[in-house]
Structures are given as C-alpha cells and as structure tokens.
Full PDB file with SEQRES, HELIX, SHEET, SSBOND, CRYST1, ORIGX, SCALE, CONECT and MASTER records, all heavy atoms in Angstrom:
SEQRES   1 A   35  ASN GLU VAL TYR SER ILE VAL ASN ASP ARG ASN ARG ALA          
SEQRES   2 A   35  ILE ARG VAL ILE ALA THR SER LYS SER ALA VAL ARG HIS          
SEQRES   3 A   35  ASN LEU GLY ASP LYS LEU HIS ASN ILE                          
HELIX    1 AA1 GLU A    2  VAL A    7  1                                   6    
HELIX    2 AA2 ARG A   10  ARG A   25  1                                  16    
HELIX    3 AA3 LEU A   32  ASN A   34  5                                   3    
CRYST1    1.000    1.000    1.000  90.00  90.00  90.00 P 1           1          
ORIGX1      1.000000  0.000000  0.000000        0.00000                         
ORIGX2      0.000000  1.000000  0.000000        0.00000                         
ORIGX3      0.000000  0.000000  1.000000        0.00000                         
SCALE1      1.000000  0.000000  0.000000        0.00000                         
SCALE2      0.000000  1.000000  0.000000        0.00000                         
SCALE3      0.000000  0.000000  1.000000        0.00000                         
ATOM      1  N   ASN A   1      79.358  52.910 -26.476  1.00  0.00           N  
ATOM      2  CA  ASN A   1      80.688  52.305 -26.489  1.00  0.00           C  
ATOM      3  C   ASN A   1      80.726  50.998 -25.702  1.00  0.00           C  
ATOM      4  O   ASN A   1      81.447  50.058 -26.069  1.00  0.00           O  
ATOM      5  CB  ASN A   1      81.720  53.281 -25.932  1.00  0.00           C  
ATOM      6  CG  ASN A   1      82.001  54.427 -26.887  1.00  0.00           C  
ATOM      7  OD1 ASN A   1      81.880  54.277 -28.101  1.00  0.00           O  
ATOM      8  ND2 ASN A   1      82.361  55.588 -26.342  1.00  0.00           N  
ATOM      9  N   GLU A   2      79.953  50.920 -24.605  1.00  0.00           N  
ATOM     10  CA  GLU A   2      79.901  49.685 -23.823  1.00  0.00           C  
ATOM     11  C   GLU A   2      79.270  48.561 -24.635  1.00  0.00           C  
ATOM     12  O   GLU A   2      79.784  47.430 -24.664  1.00  0.00           O  
ATOM     13  CB  GLU A   2      79.125  49.919 -22.526  1.00  0.00           C  
ATOM     14  CG  GLU A   2      78.879  48.659 -21.705  1.00  0.00           C  
ATOM     15  CD  GLU A   2      80.147  47.981 -21.222  1.00  0.00           C  
ATOM     16  OE1 GLU A   2      81.215  48.639 -21.202  1.00  0.00           O  
ATOM     17  OE2 GLU A   2      80.085  46.778 -20.871  1.00  0.00           O  
ATOM     18  N   VAL A   3      78.150  48.847 -25.305  1.00  0.00           N  
ATOM     19  CA  VAL A   3      77.510  47.830 -26.144  1.00  0.00           C  
ATOM     20  C   VAL A   3      78.448  47.418 -27.277  1.00  0.00           C  
ATOM     21  O   VAL A   3      78.594  46.232 -27.588  1.00  0.00           O  
ATOM     22  CB  VAL A   3      76.169  48.351 -26.707  1.00  0.00           C  
ATOM     23  CG1 VAL A   3      75.561  47.339 -27.685  1.00  0.00           C  
ATOM     24  CG2 VAL A   3      75.183  48.640 -25.580  1.00  0.00           C  
ATOM     25  N   TYR A   4      79.105  48.396 -27.877  1.00  0.00           N  
ATOM     26  CA  TYR A   4      80.041  48.111 -28.970  1.00  0.00           C  
ATOM     27  C   TYR A   4      81.184  47.218 -28.502  1.00  0.00           C  
ATOM     28  O   TYR A   4      81.592  46.280 -29.208  1.00  0.00           O  
ATOM     29  CB  TYR A   4      80.587  49.427 -29.516  1.00  0.00           C  
ATOM     30  CG  TYR A   4      81.532  49.278 -30.680  1.00  0.00           C  
ATOM     31  CD1 TYR A   4      81.069  48.922 -31.940  1.00  0.00           C  
ATOM     32  CD2 TYR A   4      82.899  49.514 -30.510  1.00  0.00           C  
ATOM     33  CE1 TYR A   4      81.946  48.803 -33.010  1.00  0.00           C  
ATOM     34  CE2 TYR A   4      83.778  49.398 -31.572  1.00  0.00           C  
ATOM     35  CZ  TYR A   4      83.298  49.039 -32.822  1.00  0.00           C  
ATOM     36  OH  TYR A   4      84.169  48.900 -33.876  1.00  0.00           O  
ATOM     37  N   SER A   5      81.688  47.474 -27.295  1.00  0.00           N  
ATOM     38  CA  SER A   5      82.799  46.671 -26.774  1.00  0.00           C  
ATOM     39  C   SER A   5      82.359  45.226 -26.519  1.00  0.00           C  
ATOM     40  O   SER A   5      83.145  44.290 -26.720  1.00  0.00           O  
ATOM     41  CB  SER A   5      83.354  47.293 -25.491  1.00  0.00           C  
ATOM     42  OG  SER A   5      82.438  47.163 -24.416  1.00  0.00           O  
ATOM     43  N   ILE A   6      81.116  45.038 -26.080  1.00  0.00           N  
ATOM     44  CA  ILE A   6      80.604  43.686 -25.849  1.00  0.00           C  
ATOM     45  C   ILE A   6      80.527  42.927 -27.162  1.00  0.00           C  
ATOM     46  O   ILE A   6      80.965  41.784 -27.278  1.00  0.00           O  
ATOM     47  CB  ILE A   6      79.225  43.746 -25.168  1.00  0.00           C  
ATOM     48  CG1 ILE A   6      79.366  44.254 -23.722  1.00  0.00           C  
ATOM     49  CG2 ILE A   6      78.545  42.374 -25.188  1.00  0.00           C  
ATOM     50  CD1 ILE A   6      78.050  44.540 -23.039  1.00  0.00           C  
ATOM     51  N   VAL A   7      79.955  43.566 -28.173  1.00  0.00           N  
ATOM     52  CA  VAL A   7      79.773  42.921 -29.470  1.00  0.00           C  
ATOM     53  C   VAL A   7      81.117  42.546 -30.083  1.00  0.00           C  
ATOM     54  O   VAL A   7      81.240  41.521 -30.776  1.00  0.00           O  
ATOM     55  CB  VAL A   7      78.975  43.848 -30.411  1.00  0.00           C  
ATOM     56  CG1 VAL A   7      79.000  43.338 -31.842  1.00  0.00           C  
ATOM     57  CG2 VAL A   7      77.537  43.975 -29.916  1.00  0.00           C  
ATOM     58  N   ASN A   8      82.133  43.372 -29.838  1.00  0.00           N  
ATOM     59  CA  ASN A   8      83.430  43.142 -30.462  1.00  0.00           C  
ATOM     60  C   ASN A   8      84.381  42.294 -29.626  1.00  0.00           C  
ATOM     61  O   ASN A   8      85.518  42.068 -30.032  1.00  0.00           O  
ATOM     62  CB  ASN A   8      84.080  44.486 -30.804  1.00  0.00           C  
ATOM     63  CG  ASN A   8      83.505  45.072 -32.067  1.00  0.00           C  
ATOM     64  OD1 ASN A   8      83.963  44.770 -33.160  1.00  0.00           O  
ATOM     65  ND2 ASN A   8      82.472  45.881 -31.920  1.00  0.00           N  
ATOM     66  N   ASP A   9      83.912  41.812 -28.508  1.00  0.00           N  
ATOM     67  CA  ASP A   9      84.658  40.847 -27.704  1.00  0.00           C  
ATOM     68  C   ASP A   9      84.087  39.463 -28.020  1.00  0.00           C  
ATOM     69  O   ASP A   9      82.939  39.173 -27.685  1.00  0.00           O  
ATOM     70  CB  ASP A   9      84.505  41.178 -26.227  1.00  0.00           C  
ATOM     71  CG  ASP A   9      85.299  40.255 -25.313  1.00  0.00           C  
ATOM     72  OD1 ASP A   9      85.134  39.019 -25.448  1.00  0.00           O  
ATOM     73  OD2 ASP A   9      86.041  40.753 -24.466  1.00  0.00           O  
ATOM     74  N   ARG A  10      84.867  38.624 -28.677  1.00  0.00           N  
ATOM     75  CA  ARG A  10      84.348  37.340 -29.162  1.00  0.00           C  
ATOM     76  C   ARG A  10      83.736  36.512 -28.038  1.00  0.00           C  
ATOM     77  O   ARG A  10      82.647  35.935 -28.187  1.00  0.00           O  
ATOM     78  CB  ARG A  10      85.455  36.545 -29.853  1.00  0.00           C  
ATOM     79  CG  ARG A  10      84.973  35.223 -30.467  1.00  0.00           C  
ATOM     80  CD  ARG A  10      86.103  34.535 -31.236  1.00  0.00           C  
ATOM     81  NE  ARG A  10      85.633  33.301 -31.833  1.00  0.00           N  
ATOM     82  CZ  ARG A  10      85.581  32.132 -31.195  1.00  0.00           C  
ATOM     83  NH1 ARG A  10      85.966  32.058 -29.922  1.00  0.00           N  
ATOM     84  NH2 ARG A  10      85.141  31.054 -31.812  1.00  0.00           N  
ATOM     85  N   ASN A  11      84.401  36.445 -26.904  1.00  0.00           N  
ATOM     86  CA  ASN A  11      83.911  35.652 -25.782  1.00  0.00           C  
ATOM     87  C   ASN A  11      82.568  36.171 -25.287  1.00  0.00           C  
ATOM     88  O   ASN A  11      81.618  35.405 -25.059  1.00  0.00           O  
ATOM     89  CB  ASN A  11      84.932  35.673 -24.644  1.00  0.00           C  
ATOM     90  CG  ASN A  11      84.453  34.911 -23.424  1.00  0.00           C  
ATOM     91  OD1 ASN A  11      84.124  33.728 -23.490  1.00  0.00           O  
ATOM     92  ND2 ASN A  11      84.393  35.595 -22.283  1.00  0.00           N  
ATOM     93  N   ARG A  12      82.471  37.493 -25.128  1.00  0.00           N  
ATOM     94  CA  ARG A  12      81.223  38.065 -24.625  1.00  0.00           C  
ATOM     95  C   ARG A  12      80.121  37.987 -25.672  1.00  0.00           C  
ATOM     96  O   ARG A  12      78.953  37.755 -25.335  1.00  0.00           O  
ATOM     97  CB  ARG A  12      81.450  39.506 -24.167  1.00  0.00           C  
ATOM     98  CG  ARG A  12      82.387  39.591 -22.970  1.00  0.00           C  
ATOM     99  CD  ARG A  12      82.169  40.859 -22.166  1.00  0.00           C  
ATOM    100  NE  ARG A  12      82.698  42.041 -22.830  1.00  0.00           N  
ATOM    101  CZ  ARG A  12      82.565  43.275 -22.338  1.00  0.00           C  
ATOM    102  NH1 ARG A  12      81.917  43.480 -21.205  1.00  0.00           N  
ATOM    103  NH2 ARG A  12      83.087  44.300 -22.975  1.00  0.00           N  
ATOM    104  N   ALA A  13      80.474  38.164 -26.944  1.00  0.00           N  
ATOM    105  CA  ALA A  13      79.467  38.085 -28.006  1.00  0.00           C  
ATOM    106  C   ALA A  13      78.845  36.692 -28.075  1.00  0.00           C  
ATOM    107  O   ALA A  13      77.629  36.541 -28.249  1.00  0.00           O  
ATOM    108  CB  ALA A  13      80.093  38.448 -29.355  1.00  0.00           C  
ATOM    109  N   ILE A  14      79.673  35.661 -27.936  1.00  0.00           N  
ATOM    110  CA  ILE A  14      79.165  34.286 -27.936  1.00  0.00           C  
ATOM    111  C   ILE A  14      78.178  34.091 -26.790  1.00  0.00           C  
ATOM    112  O   ILE A  14      77.126  33.452 -26.939  1.00  0.00           O  
ATOM    113  CB  ILE A  14      80.336  33.283 -27.829  1.00  0.00           C  
ATOM    114  CG1 ILE A  14      81.125  33.255 -29.141  1.00  0.00           C  
ATOM    115  CG2 ILE A  14      79.829  31.883 -27.471  1.00  0.00           C  
ATOM    116  CD1 ILE A  14      82.410  32.457 -29.062  1.00  0.00           C  
ATOM    117  N   ARG A  15      78.485  34.653 -25.638  1.00  0.00           N  
ATOM    118  CA  ARG A  15      77.612  34.514 -24.474  1.00  0.00           C  
ATOM    119  C   ARG A  15      76.298  35.283 -24.659  1.00  0.00           C  
ATOM    120  O   ARG A  15      75.242  34.833 -24.215  1.00  0.00           O  
ATOM    121  CB  ARG A  15      78.353  34.983 -23.218  1.00  0.00           C  
ATOM    122  CG  ARG A  15      79.473  34.019 -22.825  1.00  0.00           C  
ATOM    123  CD  ARG A  15      80.431  34.641 -21.817  1.00  0.00           C  
ATOM    124  NE  ARG A  15      81.499  33.706 -21.500  1.00  0.00           N  
ATOM    125  CZ  ARG A  15      81.452  32.822 -20.507  1.00  0.00           C  
ATOM    126  NH1 ARG A  15      80.382  32.771 -19.734  1.00  0.00           N  
ATOM    127  NH2 ARG A  15      82.449  31.996 -20.289  1.00  0.00           N  
ATOM    128  N   VAL A  16      76.379  36.439 -25.300  1.00  0.00           N  
ATOM    129  CA  VAL A  16      75.158  37.190 -25.599  1.00  0.00           C  
ATOM    130  C   VAL A  16      74.239  36.365 -26.502  1.00  0.00           C  
ATOM    131  O   VAL A  16      73.034  36.256 -26.261  1.00  0.00           O  
ATOM    132  CB  VAL A  16      75.493  38.541 -26.261  1.00  0.00           C  
ATOM    133  CG1 VAL A  16      74.250  39.170 -26.876  1.00  0.00           C  
ATOM    134  CG2 VAL A  16      76.109  39.492 -25.249  1.00  0.00           C  
ATOM    135  N   ILE A  17      74.818  35.777 -27.541  1.00  0.00           N  
ATOM    136  CA  ILE A  17      74.025  34.972 -28.479  1.00  0.00           C  
ATOM    137  C   ILE A  17      73.415  33.774 -27.767  1.00  0.00           C  
ATOM    138  O   ILE A  17      72.220  33.471 -27.922  1.00  0.00           O  
ATOM    139  CB  ILE A  17      74.897  34.509 -29.665  1.00  0.00           C  
ATOM    140  CG1 ILE A  17      75.339  35.714 -30.498  1.00  0.00           C  
ATOM    141  CG2 ILE A  17      74.133  33.509 -30.529  1.00  0.00           C  
ATOM    142  CD1 ILE A  17      76.394  35.398 -31.523  1.00  0.00           C  
ATOM    143  N   ALA A  18      74.216  33.075 -26.967  1.00  0.00           N  
ATOM    144  CA  ALA A  18      73.728  31.889 -26.262  1.00  0.00           C  
ATOM    145  C   ALA A  18      72.602  32.244 -25.293  1.00  0.00           C  
ATOM    146  O   ALA A  18      71.585  31.542 -25.205  1.00  0.00           O  
ATOM    147  CB  ALA A  18      74.876  31.209 -25.516  1.00  0.00           C  
ATOM    148  N   THR A  19      72.774  33.344 -24.567  1.00  0.00           N  
ATOM    149  CA  THR A  19      71.749  33.766 -23.617  1.00  0.00           C  
ATOM    150  C   THR A  19      70.476  34.173 -24.338  1.00  0.00           C  
ATOM    151  O   THR A  19      69.360  33.830 -23.917  1.00  0.00           O  
ATOM    152  CB  THR A  19      72.258  34.933 -22.750  1.00  0.00           C  
ATOM    153  OG1 THR A  19      73.471  34.547 -22.097  1.00  0.00           O  
ATOM    154  CG2 THR A  19      71.235  35.319 -21.705  1.00  0.00           C  
ATOM    155  N   SER A  20      70.624  34.903 -25.444  1.00  0.00           N  
ATOM    156  CA  SER A  20      69.455  35.351 -26.209  1.00  0.00           C  
ATOM    157  C   SER A  20      68.677  34.165 -26.769  1.00  0.00           C  
ATOM    158  O   SER A  20      67.441  34.123 -26.692  1.00  0.00           O  
ATOM    159  CB  SER A  20      69.895  36.265 -27.351  1.00  0.00           C  
ATOM    160  OG  SER A  20      70.520  37.430 -26.862  1.00  0.00           O  
ATOM    161  N   LYS A  21      69.389  33.189 -27.312  1.00  0.00           N  
ATOM    162  CA  LYS A  21      68.710  32.009 -27.857  1.00  0.00           C  
ATOM    163  C   LYS A  21      68.027  31.218 -26.759  1.00  0.00           C  
ATOM    164  O   LYS A  21      66.923  30.688 -26.950  1.00  0.00           O  
ATOM    165  CB  LYS A  21      69.719  31.131 -28.609  1.00  0.00           C  
ATOM    166  CG  LYS A  21      70.186  31.730 -29.928  1.00  0.00           C  
ATOM    167  CD  LYS A  21      71.127  30.783 -30.667  1.00  0.00           C  
ATOM    168  CE  LYS A  21      71.493  31.338 -32.042  1.00  0.00           C  
ATOM    169  NZ  LYS A  21      72.423  30.430 -32.770  1.00  0.00           N  
ATOM    170  N   SER A  22      68.664  31.143 -25.607  1.00  0.00           N  
ATOM    171  CA  SER A  22      68.066  30.452 -24.468  1.00  0.00           C  
ATOM    172  C   SER A  22      66.781  31.150 -24.032  1.00  0.00           C  
ATOM    173  O   SER A  22      65.779  30.499 -23.709  1.00  0.00           O  
ATOM    174  CB  SER A  22      69.058  30.404 -23.307  1.00  0.00           C  
ATOM    175  OG  SER A  22      68.438  29.975 -22.122  1.00  0.00           O  
ATOM    176  N   ALA A  23      66.792  32.483 -24.028  1.00  0.00           N  
ATOM    177  CA  ALA A  23      65.602  33.236 -23.631  1.00  0.00           C  
ATOM    178  C   ALA A  23      64.448  32.974 -24.594  1.00  0.00           C  
ATOM    179  O   ALA A  23      63.299  32.814 -24.165  1.00  0.00           O  
ATOM    180  CB  ALA A  23      65.933  34.724 -23.582  1.00  0.00           C  
ATOM    181  N   VAL A  24      64.743  32.922 -25.877  1.00  0.00           N  
ATOM    182  CA  VAL A  24      63.690  32.644 -26.867  1.00  0.00           C  
ATOM    183  C   VAL A  24      63.082  31.271 -26.624  1.00  0.00           C  
ATOM    184  O   VAL A  24      61.862  31.073 -26.742  1.00  0.00           O  
ATOM    185  CB  VAL A  24      64.263  32.756 -28.295  1.00  0.00           C  
ATOM    186  CG1 VAL A  24      63.246  32.250 -29.314  1.00  0.00           C  
ATOM    187  CG2 VAL A  24      64.657  34.201 -28.603  1.00  0.00           C  
ATOM    188  N   ARG A  25      63.917  30.302 -26.253  1.00  0.00           N  
ATOM    189  CA  ARG A  25      63.413  28.947 -25.985  1.00  0.00           C  
ATOM    190  C   ARG A  25      62.513  28.905 -24.757  1.00  0.00           C  
ATOM    191  O   ARG A  25      61.650  28.038 -24.644  1.00  0.00           O  
ATOM    192  CB  ARG A  25      64.582  27.967 -25.800  1.00  0.00           C  
ATOM    193  CG  ARG A  25      65.358  27.673 -27.074  1.00  0.00           C  
ATOM    194  CD  ARG A  25      66.245  26.443 -26.903  1.00  0.00           C  
ATOM    195  NE  ARG A  25      67.240  26.621 -25.858  1.00  0.00           N  
ATOM    196  CZ  ARG A  25      68.458  27.138 -26.055  1.00  0.00           C  
ATOM    197  NH1 ARG A  25      68.814  27.541 -27.270  1.00  0.00           N  
ATOM    198  NH2 ARG A  25      69.313  27.242 -25.057  1.00  0.00           N  
ATOM    199  N   HIS A  26      62.714  29.830 -23.836  1.00  0.00           N  
ATOM    200  CA  HIS A  26      61.928  29.851 -22.598  1.00  0.00           C  
ATOM    201  C   HIS A  26      60.757  30.824 -22.727  1.00  0.00           C  
ATOM    202  O   HIS A  26      60.600  31.753 -21.944  1.00  0.00           O  
ATOM    203  CB  HIS A  26      62.810  30.226 -21.401  1.00  0.00           C  
ATOM    204  CG  HIS A  26      63.653  29.103 -20.902  1.00  0.00           C  
ATOM    205  ND1 HIS A  26      64.866  28.781 -21.475  1.00  0.00           N  
ATOM    206  CD2 HIS A  26      63.454  28.206 -19.902  1.00  0.00           C  
ATOM    207  CE1 HIS A  26      65.391  27.748 -20.826  1.00  0.00           C  
ATOM    208  NE2 HIS A  26      64.555  27.381 -19.875  1.00  0.00           N  
ATOM    209  N   ASN A  27      59.929  30.611 -23.728  1.00  0.00           N  
ATOM    210  CA  ASN A  27      58.714  31.407 -23.876  1.00  0.00           C  
ATOM    211  C   ASN A  27      57.725  31.007 -22.779  1.00  0.00           C  
ATOM    212  O   ASN A  27      57.486  29.825 -22.546  1.00  0.00           O  
ATOM    213  CB  ASN A  27      58.099  31.187 -25.257  1.00  0.00           C  
ATOM    214  CG  ASN A  27      56.942  32.124 -25.520  1.00  0.00           C  
ATOM    215  OD1 ASN A  27      55.849  31.953 -24.975  1.00  0.00           O  
ATOM    216  ND2 ASN A  27      57.165  33.118 -26.354  1.00  0.00           N  
ATOM    217  N   LEU A  28      57.147  31.992 -22.122  1.00  0.00           N  
ATOM    218  CA  LEU A  28      56.358  31.730 -20.917  1.00  0.00           C  
ATOM    219  C   LEU A  28      54.856  31.912 -21.118  1.00  0.00           C  
ATOM    220  O   LEU A  28      54.099  31.952 -20.148  1.00  0.00           O  
ATOM    221  CB  LEU A  28      56.833  32.654 -19.791  1.00  0.00           C  
ATOM    222  CG  LEU A  28      58.304  32.500 -19.401  1.00  0.00           C  
ATOM    223  CD1 LEU A  28      58.688  33.528 -18.349  1.00  0.00           C  
ATOM    224  CD2 LEU A  28      58.586  31.088 -18.890  1.00  0.00           C  
ATOM    225  N   GLY A  29      54.428  31.987 -22.371  1.00  0.00           N  
ATOM    226  CA  GLY A  29      53.030  32.250 -22.642  1.00  0.00           C  
ATOM    227  C   GLY A  29      52.061  31.283 -21.990  1.00  0.00           C  
ATOM    228  O   GLY A  29      50.966  31.674 -21.566  1.00  0.00           O  
ATOM    229  N   ASP A  30      52.460  30.025 -21.865  1.00  0.00           N  
ATOM    230  CA  ASP A  30      51.552  29.021 -21.292  1.00  0.00           C  
ATOM    231  C   ASP A  30      51.723  28.857 -19.785  1.00  0.00           C  
ATOM    232  O   ASP A  30      51.087  27.986 -19.179  1.00  0.00           O  
ATOM    233  CB  ASP A  30      51.755  27.670 -21.985  1.00  0.00           C  
ATOM    234  CG  ASP A  30      53.165  27.110 -21.799  1.00  0.00           C  
ATOM    235  OD1 ASP A  30      54.061  27.882 -21.387  1.00  0.00           O  
ATOM    236  OD2 ASP A  30      53.383  25.913 -22.075  1.00  0.00           O  
ATOM    237  N   LYS A  31      52.560  29.702 -19.164  1.00  0.00           N  
ATOM    238  CA  LYS A  31      52.821  29.575 -17.725  1.00  0.00           C  
ATOM    239  C   LYS A  31      52.402  30.802 -16.920  1.00  0.00           C  
ATOM    240  O   LYS A  31      52.276  30.734 -15.695  1.00  0.00           O  
ATOM    241  CB  LYS A  31      54.309  29.300 -17.473  1.00  0.00           C  
ATOM    242  CG  LYS A  31      54.812  27.991 -18.086  1.00  0.00           C  
ATOM    243  CD  LYS A  31      56.285  27.800 -17.792  1.00  0.00           C  
ATOM    244  CE  LYS A  31      56.797  26.457 -18.318  1.00  0.00           C  
ATOM    245  NZ  LYS A  31      56.741  26.379 -19.788  1.00  0.00           N  
ATOM    246  N   LEU A  32      52.189  31.921 -17.580  1.00  0.00           N  
ATOM    247  CA  LEU A  32      51.969  33.177 -16.867  1.00  0.00           C  
ATOM    248  C   LEU A  32      50.702  33.171 -16.022  1.00  0.00           C  
ATOM    249  O   LEU A  32      50.625  33.884 -15.015  1.00  0.00           O  
ATOM    250  CB  LEU A  32      51.933  34.341 -17.861  1.00  0.00           C  
ATOM    251  CG  LEU A  32      53.244  34.613 -18.614  1.00  0.00           C  
ATOM    252  CD1 LEU A  32      53.057  35.750 -19.610  1.00  0.00           C  
ATOM    253  CD2 LEU A  32      54.382  34.936 -17.646  1.00  0.00           C  
ATOM    254  N   HIS A  33      49.711  32.355 -16.393  1.00  0.00           N  
ATOM    255  CA  HIS A  33      48.474  32.303 -15.607  1.00  0.00           C  
ATOM    256  C   HIS A  33      48.715  31.747 -14.205  1.00  0.00           C  
ATOM    257  O   HIS A  33      47.873  31.906 -13.318  1.00  0.00           O  
ATOM    258  CB  HIS A  33      47.419  31.455 -16.323  1.00  0.00           C  
ATOM    259  CG  HIS A  33      47.769  30.002 -16.397  1.00  0.00           C  
ATOM    260  ND1 HIS A  33      48.637  29.498 -17.352  1.00  0.00           N  
ATOM    261  CD2 HIS A  33      47.395  28.934 -15.627  1.00  0.00           C  
ATOM    262  CE1 HIS A  33      48.768  28.190 -17.173  1.00  0.00           C  
ATOM    263  NE2 HIS A  33      48.032  27.829 -16.139  1.00  0.00           N  
ATOM    264  N   ASN A  34      49.873  31.122 -14.002  1.00  0.00           N  
ATOM    265  CA  ASN A  34      50.199  30.549 -12.685  1.00  0.00           C  
ATOM    266  C   ASN A  34      50.748  31.586 -11.709  1.00  0.00           C  
ATOM    267  O   ASN A  34      50.904  31.288 -10.518  1.00  0.00           O  
ATOM    268  CB  ASN A  34      51.215  29.417 -12.845  1.00  0.00           C  
ATOM    269  CG  ASN A  34      50.639  28.222 -13.580  1.00  0.00           C  
ATOM    270  OD1 ASN A  34      49.515  27.805 -13.311  1.00  0.00           O  
ATOM    271  ND2 ASN A  34      51.406  27.668 -14.516  1.00  0.00           N  
ATOM    272  N   ILE A  35      51.060  32.781 -12.182  1.00  0.00           N  
ATOM    273  CA  ILE A  35      51.600  33.811 -11.299  1.00  0.00           C  
ATOM    274  C   ILE A  35      50.465  34.395 -10.467  1.00  0.00           C  
ATOM    275  O   ILE A  35      49.494  34.939 -11.009  1.00  0.00           O  
ATOM    276  CB  ILE A  35      52.319  34.909 -12.100  1.00  0.00           C  
ATOM    277  CG1 ILE A  35      53.574  34.330 -12.765  1.00  0.00           C  
ATOM    278  CG2 ILE A  35      52.694  36.090 -11.199  1.00  0.00           C  
ATOM    279  CD1 ILE A  35      54.336  35.318 -13.613  1.00  0.00           C  
TER     280      ILE A  35                                                      
MASTER        0    0    0    3    0    0    0    6  279    1    0    3          
END                                                                             
C-alpha cells in the first residue's frame, strides 16, 4: 500500500522517475576500482 500510494501521488511519482533516471546516468563501472 505504501508503494502504491507513492506511485499514485503525482508529485512523488515525478520525483521517483527523476531520481531513477539520475541513478542510471551515474553508472559507476569505471570508478569502482578507486574504492
């Protein structure tokens, strides 16, 4: 029900999409060797 409420709240859904797309852009494959 919590996940459903997030998806059905337009403001929160937009933020989920924006955050998810941002995460995809920040692929760390070429940086992990620095840890």
